[in-house]
Protein backbone atom coordinates (compact mmCIF):
# COMPACT_ATOMS: atom_id res chain seq x y z
CA UNK A 1 0.06 -0.29 0.31
CA UNK A 2 1.27 3.11 -0.78
CA UNK A 3 3.44 4.62 -3.94
CA UNK A 4 7.09 3.77 -5.22
CA UNK A 5 7.30 0.87 -2.82
CA UNK A 6 9.72 -2.36 -3.89
CA UNK A 7 9.32 -5.37 -1.87
CA UNK A 8 6.70 -7.25 -0.12
CA UNK A 9 3.82 -6.03 2.42
CA UNK A 10 4.98 -2.45 2.74
CA UNK A 11 2.50 0.16 3.78
CA UNK A 12 3.68 3.78 3.29
CA UNK A 13 5.67 5.12 0.26
CA UNK A 14 9.13 5.04 -1.54
CA UNK A 15 10.21 1.84 1.13
CA UNK A 16 12.46 -1.01 0.24
CA UNK A 17 12.12 -4.09 1.60
CA UNK A 18 9.61 -6.29 3.40
CA UNK A 19 6.87 -5.51 6.06
CA UNK A 20 8.01 -1.34 6.49
CA UNK A 21 5.84 0.52 7.78
CA UNK A 22 6.33 4.69 7.03
CA UNK A 23 8.22 6.35 4.03
CA UNK A 24 11.52 6.17 2.63
CA UNK A 25 12.85 2.89 4.83
CA UNK A 26 15.20 -0.06 3.52
CA UNK A 27 14.91 -3.17 5.11
CA UNK A 28 12.94 -5.57 6.69
CA UNK A 29 10.07 -4.56 8.95
CA UNK A 30 11.16 -0.92 10.09
CA UNK A 31 8.16 1.34 11.46
CA UNK A 32 8.67 4.99 11.06
CA UNK A 33 10.68 6.69 8.50
CA UNK A 34 14.08 6.91 6.25
CA UNK A 35 15.22 4.09 8.70
CA UNK A 36 18.24 1.57 7.41
CA UNK A 37 18.21 -1.58 8.99
CA UNK A 38 16.06 -4.62 10.35
CA UNK A 39 12.91 -4.25 12.84
CA UNK A 40 13.77 -0.24 13.96
CA UNK A 41 10.95 1.71 15.14
CA UNK A 42 11.53 5.77 15.03
CA UNK A 43 12.65 7.62 12.15
CA UNK A 44 16.72 8.13 10.86
CA UNK A 45 18.10 4.84 12.10
CA UNK A 46 20.34 2.65 11.14
CA UNK A 47 20.97 -0.88 12.31
CA UNK A 48 18.59 -3.66 13.98
CA UNK A 49 16.04 -3.26 16.79
CA UNK A 50 16.57 0.23 17.51
CA UNK A 51 13.89 2.22 19.23
CA UNK A 52 13.78 6.17 18.81
CA UNK A 53 14.86 8.53 16.28
CA UNK A 54 18.94 9.34 14.51
CA UNK A 55 20.36 6.32 16.20
CA UNK A 56 23.35 3.76 14.84
CA UNK A 57 23.49 0.40 16.34
CA UNK A 58 21.79 -2.69 17.88
CA UNK A 59 18.64 -2.80 19.74
CA UNK A 60 19.11 0.93 21.28
CA UNK A 61 16.78 2.37 23.77
CA UNK A 62 14.34 5.33 23.10
CA UNK A 63 14.19 7.57 25.49
CA UNK A 64 11.82 5.61 28.34
CA UNK A 65 9.34 9.20 27.94
CA UNK A 66 9.03 9.30 24.00
CA UNK A 67 7.17 6.88 22.15
CA UNK A 68 7.08 7.67 17.80
CA UNK A 69 3.65 6.43 16.61
CA UNK A 70 2.95 5.92 12.74
CA UNK A 71 4.99 7.68 10.96
CA UNK A 72 5.78 10.17 13.66
CA UNK A 73 3.04 12.44 12.47
CA UNK A 74 5.40 15.69 11.62
CA UNK A 75 4.04 18.43 13.78
CA UNK A 76 1.73 16.79 16.02
CA UNK A 77 3.10 16.09 19.53
CA UNK A 78 0.95 14.12 22.09
CA UNK A 79 1.45 15.11 25.80
CA UNK A 80 0.59 11.88 27.75
CA UNK A 81 -0.23 12.70 31.37
CA UNK A 82 -0.55 9.41 34.44
CA UNK A 83 -2.93 8.54 36.83
CA UNK A 84 -2.09 8.98 40.58
CA UNK A 85 1.19 6.61 41.07
CA UNK A 86 -0.97 4.11 43.44
CA UNK A 87 -2.99 3.25 40.70
CA UNK A 88 -0.79 3.56 37.63
CA UNK A 89 3.23 3.42 37.89
CA UNK A 90 4.95 5.73 35.79
CA UNK A 91 6.62 6.76 33.89
CA UNK A 92 7.30 4.31 30.88
CA UNK A 93 6.76 2.99 27.60
CA UNK A 94 3.18 0.81 28.52
CA UNK A 95 1.65 3.77 29.68
CA UNK A 96 2.64 5.63 26.37
CA UNK A 97 1.35 2.45 24.17
CA UNK A 98 -1.41 2.17 26.20
CA UNK A 99 -2.48 6.02 25.44
CA UNK A 100 -1.95 5.00 21.61
CA UNK A 101 -4.77 2.83 21.40
CA UNK A 102 -6.70 5.89 22.03
CA UNK A 103 -5.59 8.40 20.05
CA UNK A 104 -4.56 6.98 17.11
CA UNK A 105 -8.13 7.00 15.91
CA UNK A 106 -8.25 10.63 15.36
CA UNK A 107 -4.00 10.67 15.06
CA UNK A 108 -2.54 7.96 13.43
CA UNK A 109 0.72 9.46 13.37
CA UNK A 110 2.09 11.51 16.08
CA UNK A 111 4.92 11.70 18.34
CA UNK A 112 4.35 10.81 22.04
CA UNK A 113 6.05 12.57 25.53
CA UNK A 114 5.48 11.53 28.39
CA UNK A 115 4.58 15.41 30.61
CA UNK A 116 5.64 14.76 34.19
CA UNK A 117 2.61 15.58 36.88
CA UNK A 118 2.86 15.12 40.62
CA UNK A 119 0.24 12.05 40.62
CA UNK A 120 -0.44 12.24 43.98
CA UNK A 121 -3.12 12.10 46.78
CA UNK A 122 -2.74 11.79 49.98
CA UNK A 123 -2.94 9.69 52.44
CA UNK A 124 -3.31 6.83 49.45
CA UNK A 125 -0.38 7.40 47.72
CA UNK A 126 2.06 8.33 51.30
CA UNK A 127 1.63 10.23 54.40
CA UNK A 128 4.26 12.75 52.98
CA UNK A 129 2.56 13.23 49.63
CA UNK A 130 0.26 16.17 48.08
CA UNK A 131 -3.06 16.48 48.56
CA UNK A 132 -5.28 15.51 45.53
CA UNK A 133 -5.91 19.37 44.70
CA UNK A 134 -2.55 20.45 44.90
CA UNK A 135 -1.23 17.77 43.07
CA UNK A 136 -3.87 18.76 40.21
CA UNK A 137 -3.31 22.45 40.21
CA UNK A 138 0.62 21.72 39.86
CA UNK A 139 -0.45 19.53 36.96
CA UNK A 140 -2.28 22.26 35.59
CA UNK A 141 0.92 24.58 35.64
CA UNK A 142 2.88 21.67 33.88
CA UNK A 143 0.36 20.64 31.52
CA UNK A 144 -0.18 24.67 30.32
CA UNK A 145 3.26 25.14 30.57
CA UNK A 146 4.18 22.09 28.24
CA UNK A 147 1.26 23.11 25.68
CA UNK A 148 2.26 26.25 25.25
CA UNK A 149 5.57 25.32 24.18
CA UNK A 150 4.51 23.19 21.73
CA UNK A 151 2.64 25.71 20.32
CA UNK A 152 5.05 28.47 19.81
CA UNK A 153 7.23 25.28 17.82
CA UNK A 154 4.83 25.24 15.67
CA UNK A 155 3.62 21.74 16.49
CA UNK A 156 -0.14 20.41 16.88
CA UNK A 157 -1.07 19.40 20.78
CA UNK A 158 -3.05 16.39 21.72
CA UNK A 159 -3.23 16.24 25.71
CA UNK A 160 -3.83 12.74 26.52
CA UNK A 161 -5.23 12.06 30.32
CA UNK A 162 -6.54 9.33 32.41
CA UNK A 163 -7.88 9.44 35.96
CA UNK A 164 -6.32 11.92 38.02
CA UNK A 165 -4.71 13.64 34.78
CA UNK A 166 -7.95 13.50 33.27
CA UNK A 167 -8.86 15.77 35.72
CA UNK A 168 -5.82 18.07 34.97
CA UNK A 169 -7.18 18.26 31.45
CA UNK A 170 -10.34 19.52 33.08
CA UNK A 171 -9.06 22.60 34.69
CA UNK A 172 -6.55 23.61 31.79
CA UNK A 173 -9.63 23.85 29.42
CA UNK A 174 -11.40 26.03 31.85
CA UNK A 175 -8.51 27.96 32.09
CA UNK A 176 -8.05 28.01 28.51
CA UNK A 177 -11.67 29.35 28.14
CA UNK A 178 -11.79 32.10 30.25
CA UNK A 179 -9.09 33.29 28.33
CA UNK A 180 -9.52 36.31 25.95
CA UNK A 181 -10.32 34.73 22.57
CA UNK A 182 -6.96 35.57 20.77
CA UNK A 183 -5.04 34.37 23.83
CA UNK A 184 -6.73 31.00 23.28
CA UNK A 185 -5.24 28.17 21.29
CA UNK A 186 -7.05 27.25 17.86
CA UNK A 187 -9.57 24.47 17.55
CA UNK A 188 -6.69 23.02 15.21
CA UNK A 189 -4.18 23.25 17.49
CA UNK A 190 -5.13 21.77 20.48
CA UNK A 191 -7.51 17.92 21.25
CA UNK A 192 -7.97 16.28 24.13
CA UNK A 193 -8.03 12.16 24.72
CA UNK A 194 -9.19 11.08 27.99
CA UNK A 195 -9.69 8.12 29.70
CA UNK A 196 -11.38 6.85 33.42
CA UNK A 197 -12.50 10.85 33.48
CA UNK A 198 -13.81 11.14 37.01
CA UNK A 199 -14.99 14.51 35.55
CA UNK A 200 -17.03 13.00 32.94
CA UNK A 201 -20.48 14.81 32.98
CA UNK A 202 -22.86 11.86 33.42
CA UNK A 203 -21.03 9.68 35.51
CA UNK A 204 -18.26 10.93 36.72
CA UNK A 205 -17.45 10.51 40.32
CA UNK A 206 -16.00 13.80 40.66
CA UNK A 207 -19.16 15.40 39.26
CA UNK A 208 -21.92 12.77 40.75
CA UNK A 209 -21.27 14.67 44.25
CA UNK A 210 -20.51 18.51 44.62
CA UNK A 211 -18.66 18.48 48.18
CA UNK A 212 -14.87 18.70 49.41
CA UNK A 213 -13.45 17.14 51.87
CA UNK A 214 -11.04 20.00 53.21
CA UNK A 215 -8.76 17.67 55.79
CA UNK A 216 -7.77 15.60 53.27
CA UNK A 217 -7.66 18.60 50.49
CA UNK A 218 -9.75 17.06 47.88
CA UNK A 219 -12.66 18.66 46.26
CA UNK A 220 -15.22 17.04 43.92
CA UNK A 221 -14.84 19.84 41.03
CA UNK A 222 -17.40 19.39 38.58
CA UNK A 223 -17.92 18.37 34.87
CA UNK A 224 -15.31 18.61 32.18
CA UNK A 225 -16.65 21.25 29.40
CA UNK A 226 -18.23 19.37 26.73
CA UNK A 227 -17.65 22.44 23.93
CA UNK A 228 -13.97 23.46 24.99
CA UNK A 229 -11.99 21.57 22.45
CA UNK A 230 -12.20 18.98 20.07
CA UNK A 231 -12.45 15.92 22.79
CA UNK A 232 -12.66 11.77 22.61
CA UNK A 233 -13.67 11.08 26.38
CA UNK A 234 -13.48 7.12 26.85
CA UNK A 235 -15.50 5.85 29.78
CA UNK A 236 -14.90 2.11 31.18
CA UNK A 237 -18.56 0.66 31.95
CA UNK A 238 -18.70 -0.33 36.02
CA UNK A 239 -15.59 2.10 36.97
CA UNK A 240 -17.22 3.95 39.50
CA UNK A 241 -14.58 6.69 38.64
CA UNK A 242 -16.12 7.26 35.36
CA UNK A 243 -19.40 5.51 35.40
CA UNK A 244 -20.86 6.05 38.77
CA UNK A 245 -24.23 5.24 39.23
CA UNK A 246 -26.61 8.19 38.82
CA UNK A 247 -28.60 6.51 42.01
CA UNK A 248 -26.11 6.09 44.44
CA UNK A 249 -28.91 4.21 46.78
CA UNK A 250 -29.06 1.62 44.49
CA UNK A 251 -26.75 -0.79 46.84
CA UNK A 252 -26.01 -3.23 43.72
CA UNK A 253 -25.26 -0.73 41.72
CA UNK A 254 -22.55 1.08 44.00
CA UNK A 255 -21.11 -2.08 45.54
CA UNK A 256 -20.39 -2.84 41.87
CA UNK A 257 -19.13 0.60 40.89
CA UNK A 258 -16.82 0.61 44.07
CA UNK A 259 -15.52 -2.94 42.98
CA UNK A 260 -15.11 -1.45 39.47
CA UNK A 261 -12.54 0.90 41.07
CA UNK A 262 -10.50 -1.74 42.31
CA UNK A 263 -10.57 -4.34 39.59
CA UNK A 264 -11.10 -2.33 36.78
CA UNK A 265 -9.56 1.17 37.09
CA UNK A 266 -6.36 0.10 39.00
CA UNK A 267 -5.62 -1.71 35.93
CA UNK A 268 -6.02 0.12 32.76
CA UNK A 269 -2.80 -0.26 30.89
CA UNK A 270 -3.44 -4.21 31.46
CA UNK A 271 -6.88 -3.96 29.42
CA UNK A 272 -6.77 -6.00 25.98
CA UNK A 273 -5.02 -3.83 23.30
CA UNK A 274 -7.99 -4.04 21.54
CA UNK A 275 -10.28 -2.33 24.00
CA UNK A 276 -10.75 1.17 22.01
CA UNK A 277 -12.79 -1.39 19.40
CA UNK A 278 -16.02 -2.47 19.26
CA UNK A 279 -17.49 0.72 21.44
CA UNK A 280 -20.79 1.94 22.22
CA UNK A 281 -21.29 5.83 21.76
CA UNK A 282 -23.75 7.18 24.30
CA UNK A 283 -26.35 10.11 23.54
CA UNK A 284 -25.16 13.79 23.63
CA UNK A 285 -26.18 17.06 22.42
CA UNK A 286 -25.23 17.18 18.05
CA UNK A 287 -23.43 20.86 18.64
CA UNK A 288 -20.67 20.12 21.32
CA UNK A 289 -17.31 19.28 20.37
CA UNK A 290 -16.56 15.96 22.36
CA UNK A 291 -17.56 12.40 21.56
CA UNK A 292 -18.43 9.91 24.60
CA UNK A 293 -17.48 6.38 24.48
CA UNK A 294 -18.16 3.68 26.67
CA UNK A 295 -16.47 0.69 26.67
CA UNK A 296 -18.50 -1.91 27.38
CA UNK A 297 -17.83 -4.64 30.34
CA UNK A 298 -18.35 -8.46 29.93
CA UNK A 299 -18.55 -8.96 33.35
CA UNK A 300 -19.68 -7.63 36.69
CA UNK A 301 -16.47 -6.12 38.53
CA UNK A 302 -18.66 -6.91 42.11
CA UNK A 303 -18.49 -10.98 40.75
CA UNK A 304 -14.58 -10.94 40.24
CA UNK A 305 -14.06 -12.19 43.93
CA UNK A 306 -16.73 -15.17 43.24
CA UNK A 307 -14.85 -15.88 39.94
CA UNK A 308 -11.45 -16.46 41.68
CA UNK A 309 -12.85 -19.32 43.28
CA UNK A 310 -11.61 -22.62 41.82
CA UNK A 311 -13.70 -24.67 39.25
CA UNK A 312 -17.18 -23.65 40.92
CA UNK A 313 -16.44 -19.96 40.67
CA UNK A 314 -17.06 -18.74 37.22
CA UNK A 315 -20.49 -21.53 36.69
CA UNK A 316 -21.72 -19.47 40.00
CA UNK A 317 -20.91 -16.37 38.55
CA UNK A 318 -22.40 -16.81 35.25
CA UNK A 319 -25.70 -17.99 36.91
CA UNK A 320 -26.41 -14.90 38.81
CA UNK A 321 -24.87 -12.36 36.65
CA UNK A 322 -27.68 -11.66 34.19
CA UNK A 323 -29.86 -11.15 36.98
CA UNK A 324 -27.69 -8.62 39.19
CA UNK A 325 -26.87 -6.90 35.83
CA UNK A 326 -30.59 -6.20 35.53
CA UNK A 327 -30.67 -4.81 39.28
CA UNK A 328 -27.12 -2.87 38.51
CA UNK A 329 -28.49 -1.21 35.69
CA UNK A 330 -31.40 0.22 37.40
CA UNK A 331 -28.66 2.62 39.01
CA UNK A 332 -28.02 4.23 35.78
CA UNK A 333 -29.80 6.59 33.20
CA UNK A 334 -28.29 5.46 29.80
CA UNK A 335 -30.44 7.51 27.67
CA UNK A 336 -29.34 10.50 29.57
CA UNK A 337 -27.23 13.00 27.24
CA UNK A 338 -23.67 12.67 28.20
CA UNK A 339 -22.66 16.39 27.91
CA UNK A 340 -25.23 17.30 30.48
CA UNK A 341 -23.76 17.43 34.31
CA UNK A 342 -26.07 14.81 35.85
CA UNK A 343 -25.43 14.98 40.14
CA UNK A 344 -26.65 11.82 41.84
CA UNK A 345 -30.59 11.54 42.35
CA UNK A 346 -32.55 9.63 44.49
CA UNK A 347 -35.21 7.10 42.93
CA UNK A 348 -35.34 5.78 39.16
CA UNK A 349 -38.32 5.97 36.77
CA UNK A 350 -38.69 2.26 36.69
CA UNK A 351 -41.16 0.18 34.76
CA UNK A 352 -41.29 -2.78 37.35
CA UNK A 353 -43.36 -4.91 35.00
CA UNK A 354 -40.27 -4.57 32.53
CA UNK A 355 -37.95 -5.25 35.22
CA UNK A 356 -39.91 -8.61 36.30
CA UNK A 357 -39.80 -9.80 32.69
CA UNK A 358 -35.98 -9.03 32.41
CA UNK A 359 -35.44 -10.71 35.57
CA UNK A 360 -37.35 -13.89 34.46
CA UNK A 361 -35.22 -14.31 31.07
CA UNK A 362 -32.25 -13.62 32.93
CA UNK A 363 -32.58 -16.27 35.47
CA UNK A 364 -33.01 -18.62 32.23
CA UNK A 365 -29.62 -17.01 30.54
CA UNK A 366 -27.66 -17.62 34.14
CA UNK A 367 -28.69 -21.28 34.21
CA UNK A 368 -27.91 -21.53 30.14
CA UNK A 369 -24.29 -19.86 30.95
CA UNK A 370 -23.63 -21.86 34.08
CA UNK A 371 -24.17 -24.89 32.34
CA UNK A 372 -22.16 -23.73 29.08
CA UNK A 373 -19.40 -23.01 31.22
CA UNK A 374 -19.44 -26.47 33.17
CA UNK A 375 -19.22 -27.77 29.52
CA UNK A 376 -22.62 -28.99 29.88
CA UNK A 377 -25.73 -28.46 27.13
CA UNK A 378 -28.62 -25.90 28.37
CA UNK A 379 -31.67 -27.27 29.15
CA UNK A 380 -34.85 -27.67 27.22
CA UNK A 381 -35.85 -24.14 27.11
CA UNK A 382 -35.23 -22.49 23.83
CA UNK A 383 -32.38 -20.20 23.51
CA UNK A 384 -33.75 -16.44 24.10
CA UNK A 385 -32.11 -13.08 23.05
CA UNK A 386 -29.44 -12.25 25.46
CA UNK A 387 -29.70 -9.25 27.75
CA UNK A 388 -26.70 -7.70 27.62
């Protein structure tokens, strides 16, 4: 694919060899531009297995805080921030690769740079660590300085924030919106990609509840602007940080969301590489600059401990999961516009006849799933459409 390639399975232009990805590479399996050799990743490398730019030799490591994606996307820089240290260890190439799964659908080529932020949350990251509010404030300063430096260098900027750094991105958007128009970056110069965003307008835990805990220096800071800059906001279903129930009196939904914080949010980097595919896009207003995407969860986090029991754990979880999911979903309003800040409510408007029918269907589905997990044929009941 491309123009002027000589060889086989080259994607790009003016490549000579086999399996190259990019432009003007000579050799085998190079990714980037103008590499000479085998298995190099980056640009202008000569050798074998080099990761980085402008290096000569064998297997030289890259700067651990830089990752070239695609052909490097000349003039496009991704500033990648991590989450709270206790949840996402930083800095490292795995974080940059994790971010790439979500950035590349919009920006197939760019150079990613790790941007250091305090990433602290007293007392969870240590008794001597910064409070959440102070950590975020310092992170905003770091981010704003980095954005303006990249723009001054003539680069387009993509900001990636996850967990705490999504809150940092939220405050930076608010600050930029407060500036006079001639001082703001243009919509074609700056964009954002967020995952695990605690400030997501509908579902973010910092949006659901509007209070602060002064003793911990922790403020529930409200919603990320939906109309500041082009933004893609990925939420993980049942991760209580970005998908907290609207109706927290539903104990099933709240317990499941807390389990989601423990078992989903704390392991975001370990999620499957293809998790950004096959997504569900909730509704939102047509005139906002943010695209909201929900990544479905196949299993309920609340059942993770049960599934850990040898032999019988998975079948038992499969048996109760369909009905339990019906009860959990009563804690959410999946029809709400995702760009509209949605604080918690008390009681949902429920059609109990429909709930009863879903529970009946879920019971049958649970039996079928449990027997299937044990390698046994389902009972005589005909197959019913799956609830989820």
